[in-house]
Each structure stands twice: as structure tokens, then as C-alpha cells.
Amino acid sequence: MNRSLRRLLASLLVGLSLVSGPALADRASAMAHIANSMLADIGEATSIDEGQGNRAVYIFFDPNCPYCHRLYDDLRPWVKKGGWRFHWIPVGILTPTSAGKAAALLDAKNPLAALEMNENHFDRSGGLGGIGEALEASAHTEAALKANEALLNRVPVGGVPMILFRADDNSPVLMVGGPPASRLGFILSHVRAGAPAAAATGTPAR
């Protein structure tokens, strides 16, 4: 992995209070191992896909997560710029309405439009997304959300947003929490080109 990217990941781990002192290298190694296993099984996830680039970035998010919303906003210039394909993987873990909203996103006729509506109408004061809960999720969607959450739960000290990708030197990269907007360009520049892209919107990621 690029040395500068490695230093950034280390600083994020420390900033999240996941590690300190001599445990840093061991935790970073463990996170890389988990990231590799998650990338190997990313086909088990169901994502909402955005962008047409050939550099794949997987983002686990909760519809009611204010930090996920901030990351969504921060990524708007990069979506417009092109070159990346962002695979938004919904989970419903933060609030009583999260699961219903995550189901509503995947059950929508146009999941990407539903995601955009949720984020464009996000209530920053209340920390809640704008989409309503699904009245009754389909069995397929319930299974998809369970699979998404199972992947997320591989990280022992997890949370959302969680960013996953393969770096340009083929190293697996896992970031828990949204990085500062000022560092997004640096991070995205190290996403490997030609990484596997997910299938169509609202279907299992590939």
C-alpha cells in the first residue's frame, strides 16, 4: 500500500480510538485481513449503485446516519467528475426507523432515485433521512439487508459509514467513519482502476 495512504489509515484508526501505541500495527493488519475477506465476499451484498467509473468503492450506510449523509454530500463533486462507481450498501442499525427506511430504498422502483430523495431531504437537525419506512418489506429485501449487516458485522469495532475498496497496489482498504472532505481526493486517487463493479442498481454487488 502507498506509504501516505497507510499513514492516513493509521491516523484515522487512532482518531477513532480503535488503537493506540504499539497495538496500531496489529490492528491495522487485522483490519486489512477483514477488508480482504469482505471484498472476496462482496457479491453477497446488495447495493445501490451510483456513477459509471471503473474504480469501485463500497460504502455501508444507514439511511438515518448523519455522518453517512455528510459523506454523501462530500462525494457529490466526485460523482460529477466521473471515474468512480460508488456502491451504497444499506443497513438498518441506528434507529427504530432505520431498517424500514433501508428496506424502502431497496424495494423502490428506482433505488438510486430513492437514495437521492433520502439524502436531499435529510433532516440535519433531527439526524433522520427523508424517505419513509416500507410498510412491509419483501422477503428478498429482508434477506438482502441481513446479508449486508452480516458483512458489516465482520468488523469487530464497526459503524457507519464504512468505506471499502481495493487500492491501486491491490491492497484491501477499510475505513470506519467518514474521512475529512479535504482528504477524499487523495483517498479516491488510490482506488484501483478496473476493480469489479456491482451489478445493476438494487441487486447483489459483484
Protein backbone atom coordinates (compact mmCIF):
# COMPACT_ATOMS: atom_id res chain seq x y z
CA MET A 1 0.00 0.00 0.00
CA ASN A 2 1.17 3.54 -0.73
CA ARG A 3 3.00 4.84 2.35
CA SER A 4 0.99 8.07 2.51
CA LEU A 5 -2.28 6.16 2.31
CA ARG A 6 -1.07 3.81 5.04
CA ARG A 7 -0.26 6.79 7.28
CA LEU A 8 -3.71 8.25 6.66
CA LEU A 9 -5.40 4.97 7.57
CA ALA A 10 -3.31 4.77 10.73
CA SER A 11 -4.27 8.31 11.71
CA LEU A 12 -7.95 7.51 11.16
CA LEU A 13 -7.67 4.42 13.34
CA VAL A 14 -6.10 6.44 16.14
CA GLY A 15 -8.64 9.23 15.68
CA LEU A 16 -11.44 6.73 16.12
CA SER A 17 -9.81 5.49 19.35
CA LEU A 18 -9.65 1.96 17.97
CA VAL A 19 -5.95 1.60 18.74
CA SER A 20 -3.09 3.33 20.42
CA GLY A 21 0.64 2.87 20.79
CA PRO A 22 2.20 -0.46 19.80
CA ALA A 23 -1.17 -2.07 19.06
CA LEU A 24 -1.57 0.09 15.95
CA ALA A 25 0.31 -2.19 13.54
CA ASP A 26 -1.52 -5.28 14.78
CA ARG A 27 -4.93 -3.63 14.46
CA ALA A 28 -4.13 -2.27 11.01
CA SER A 29 -3.08 -5.77 9.91
CA ALA A 30 -6.28 -7.26 11.34
CA MET A 31 -8.40 -4.64 9.57
CA ALA A 32 -6.63 -5.39 6.28
CA HIS A 33 -7.39 -9.10 6.73
CA ILE A 34 -11.06 -8.37 7.38
CA ALA A 35 -11.20 -6.00 4.42
CA ASN A 36 -9.77 -8.69 2.17
CA SER A 37 -12.39 -11.21 3.29
CA MET A 38 -15.19 -8.68 2.80
CA LEU A 39 -14.02 -7.83 -0.71
CA ALA A 40 -13.85 -11.53 -1.53
CA ASP A 41 -17.49 -11.91 -0.45
CA ILE A 42 -18.81 -8.56 -1.65
CA GLY A 43 -21.09 -10.43 -4.05
CA GLU A 44 -23.22 -11.28 -1.00
CA ALA A 45 -24.07 -7.57 -0.56
CA THR A 46 -26.90 -5.70 -2.21
CA SER A 47 -26.04 -2.18 -3.24
CA ILE A 48 -27.47 0.97 -4.77
CA ASP A 49 -25.03 1.93 -7.50
CA GLU A 50 -24.01 5.43 -8.48
CA GLY A 51 -21.56 6.55 -11.15
CA GLN A 52 -20.16 4.91 -14.25
CA GLY A 53 -16.44 4.72 -13.49
CA ASN A 54 -14.28 1.61 -13.31
CA ARG A 55 -12.93 2.24 -9.80
CA ALA A 56 -15.25 0.57 -7.28
CA VAL A 57 -15.88 1.99 -3.81
CA TYR A 58 -18.25 0.17 -1.43
CA ILE A 59 -19.95 2.25 1.27
CA PHE A 60 -22.04 0.72 4.07
CA PHE A 61 -24.54 3.30 5.30
CA ASP A 62 -27.69 3.74 7.38
CA PRO A 63 -30.47 5.96 5.95
CA ASN A 64 -30.66 7.85 9.27
CA CYS A 65 -26.90 8.30 9.73
CA PRO A 66 -25.83 11.98 9.72
CA TYR A 67 -22.19 11.04 9.09
CA CYS A 68 -23.24 8.92 6.12
CA HIS A 69 -25.22 11.90 4.87
CA ARG A 70 -22.17 14.13 5.18
CA LEU A 71 -20.10 11.63 3.20
CA TYR A 72 -22.83 11.51 0.55
CA ASP A 73 -22.69 15.31 0.25
CA ASP A 74 -18.89 15.33 0.19
CA LEU A 75 -18.86 12.83 -2.68
CA ARG A 76 -21.13 14.88 -4.98
CA PRO A 77 -18.22 16.56 -6.82
CA TRP A 78 -16.57 13.18 -7.36
CA VAL A 79 -19.74 11.64 -8.75
CA LYS A 80 -19.98 14.52 -11.23
CA LYS A 81 -16.31 14.25 -12.09
CA GLY A 82 -16.66 10.58 -13.02
CA GLY A 83 -14.18 7.75 -12.83
CA TRP A 84 -15.63 6.02 -9.78
CA ARG A 85 -18.58 3.73 -9.18
CA PHE A 86 -19.95 4.08 -5.66
CA HIS A 87 -21.83 1.08 -4.32
CA TRP A 88 -24.03 2.27 -1.46
CA ILE A 89 -24.81 -0.76 0.74
CA PRO A 90 -27.76 -0.02 3.06
CA VAL A 91 -28.10 -1.37 6.60
CA GLY A 92 -30.71 -0.53 9.23
CA ILE A 93 -28.89 -0.42 12.55
CA LEU A 94 -29.02 3.05 14.13
CA THR A 95 -32.61 3.97 14.96
CA PRO A 96 -36.03 2.29 15.19
CA THR A 97 -36.90 3.55 11.69
CA SER A 98 -33.58 2.65 10.04
CA ALA A 99 -34.49 -0.88 8.97
CA GLY A 100 -37.79 0.23 7.44
CA LYS A 101 -36.10 3.02 5.54
CA ALA A 102 -33.32 0.74 4.31
CA ALA A 103 -36.00 -1.66 3.07
CA ALA A 104 -37.82 1.20 1.35
CA LEU A 105 -34.64 2.09 -0.53
CA LEU A 106 -34.12 -1.43 -1.86
CA ASP A 107 -37.81 -2.02 -2.62
CA ALA A 108 -38.13 1.24 -4.57
CA LYS A 109 -38.73 1.04 -8.31
CA ASN A 110 -35.66 3.23 -8.71
CA PRO A 111 -33.39 2.67 -5.67
CA LEU A 112 -30.91 5.36 -6.76
CA ALA A 113 -33.68 7.97 -7.02
CA ALA A 114 -34.91 6.85 -3.59
CA LEU A 115 -31.42 7.26 -2.16
CA GLU A 116 -31.17 10.74 -3.66
CA MET A 117 -34.54 11.66 -2.16
CA ASN A 118 -33.48 10.39 1.26
CA GLU A 119 -30.29 12.43 1.23
CA ASN A 120 -31.72 15.55 -0.40
CA HIS A 121 -34.41 15.71 2.27
CA PHE A 122 -32.21 14.72 5.19
CA ASP A 123 -33.21 16.46 8.43
CA ARG A 124 -29.86 17.60 9.79
CA SER A 125 -31.42 18.93 12.99
CA GLY A 126 -33.06 15.60 13.76
CA GLY A 127 -30.46 13.37 12.16
CA LEU A 128 -33.01 11.47 10.08
CA GLY A 129 -33.23 10.64 6.40
CA GLY A 130 -36.13 11.84 4.30
CA ILE A 131 -37.56 8.58 2.99
CA GLY A 132 -40.49 6.91 4.74
CA GLU A 133 -40.37 3.38 6.11
CA ALA A 134 -41.51 0.47 3.97
CA LEU A 135 -44.92 -0.70 5.18
CA GLU A 136 -43.96 -4.30 4.51
CA ALA A 137 -40.56 -5.32 3.16
CA SER A 138 -40.36 -8.16 0.68
CA ALA A 139 -38.72 -11.39 1.82
CA HIS A 140 -35.99 -10.79 -0.76
CA THR A 141 -35.24 -7.36 0.69
CA GLU A 142 -35.23 -8.62 4.28
CA ALA A 143 -32.72 -11.30 3.29
CA ALA A 144 -30.60 -8.75 1.44
CA LEU A 145 -30.46 -6.43 4.46
CA LYS A 146 -29.49 -9.31 6.75
CA ALA A 147 -26.67 -10.23 4.36
CA ASN A 148 -25.49 -6.62 4.24
CA GLU A 149 -25.47 -6.41 8.03
CA ALA A 150 -23.64 -9.72 8.34
CA LEU A 151 -20.83 -8.36 6.17
CA LEU A 152 -20.69 -5.15 8.19
CA ASN A 153 -20.53 -7.13 11.43
CA ARG A 154 -17.28 -8.79 10.39
CA VAL A 155 -15.59 -5.66 11.67
CA PRO A 156 -15.34 -6.04 15.47
CA VAL A 157 -15.44 -2.32 16.16
CA GLY A 158 -17.59 -1.18 13.29
CA GLY A 159 -20.04 1.53 12.46
CA VAL A 160 -21.27 3.56 9.54
CA PRO A 161 -20.29 4.93 7.20
CA MET A 162 -17.81 2.20 6.38
CA ILE A 163 -15.75 2.52 3.19
CA LEU A 164 -14.23 -0.49 1.46
CA PHE A 165 -12.12 -0.69 -1.69
CA ARG A 166 -9.04 -2.22 -3.24
CA ALA A 167 -6.10 0.15 -3.59
CA ASP A 168 -4.02 0.67 -6.69
CA ASP A 169 -1.38 -1.75 -5.39
CA ASN A 170 -4.15 -4.37 -4.81
CA SER A 171 -4.17 -3.87 -1.03
CA PRO A 172 -7.58 -4.05 0.68
CA VAL A 173 -8.62 -0.81 2.36
CA LEU A 174 -11.26 -0.49 5.09
CA MET A 175 -12.20 2.82 6.70
CA VAL A 176 -14.67 3.09 9.57
CA GLY A 177 -16.22 6.54 9.64
CA GLY A 178 -16.26 9.23 7.00
CA PRO A 179 -12.85 10.79 6.27
CA PRO A 180 -12.47 14.57 6.15
CA ALA A 181 -13.68 16.06 2.87
CA SER A 182 -10.21 17.52 2.38
CA ARG A 183 -8.76 14.00 2.14
CA LEU A 184 -11.32 12.44 -0.18
CA GLY A 185 -9.43 13.32 -3.34
CA PHE A 186 -6.27 11.70 -2.01
CA ILE A 187 -8.14 8.58 -0.92
CA LEU A 188 -10.09 8.20 -4.17
CA SER A 189 -6.94 8.65 -6.22
CA HIS A 190 -5.70 5.36 -4.75
CA VAL A 191 -8.76 3.27 -5.68
CA ARG A 192 -7.71 0.57 -8.11
CA ALA A 193 -8.92 1.01 -11.67
CA GLY A 194 -10.66 -1.98 -13.17
CA ALA A 195 -11.89 -3.31 -9.82
CA PRO A 196 -15.06 -5.44 -10.04
CA ALA A 197 -18.20 -3.34 -10.28
CA ALA A 198 -21.57 -4.20 -8.79
CA ALA A 199 -24.41 -5.40 -10.93
CA ALA A 200 -27.44 -3.25 -11.71
CA THR A 201 -28.93 -0.95 -9.10
CA GLY A 202 -30.58 -2.75 -6.21
CA THR A 203 -29.02 -6.12 -6.99
CA PRO A 204 -26.19 -8.10 -5.37
CA ALA A 205 -22.83 -6.36 -5.64
CA ARG A 206 -20.19 -8.06 -7.78
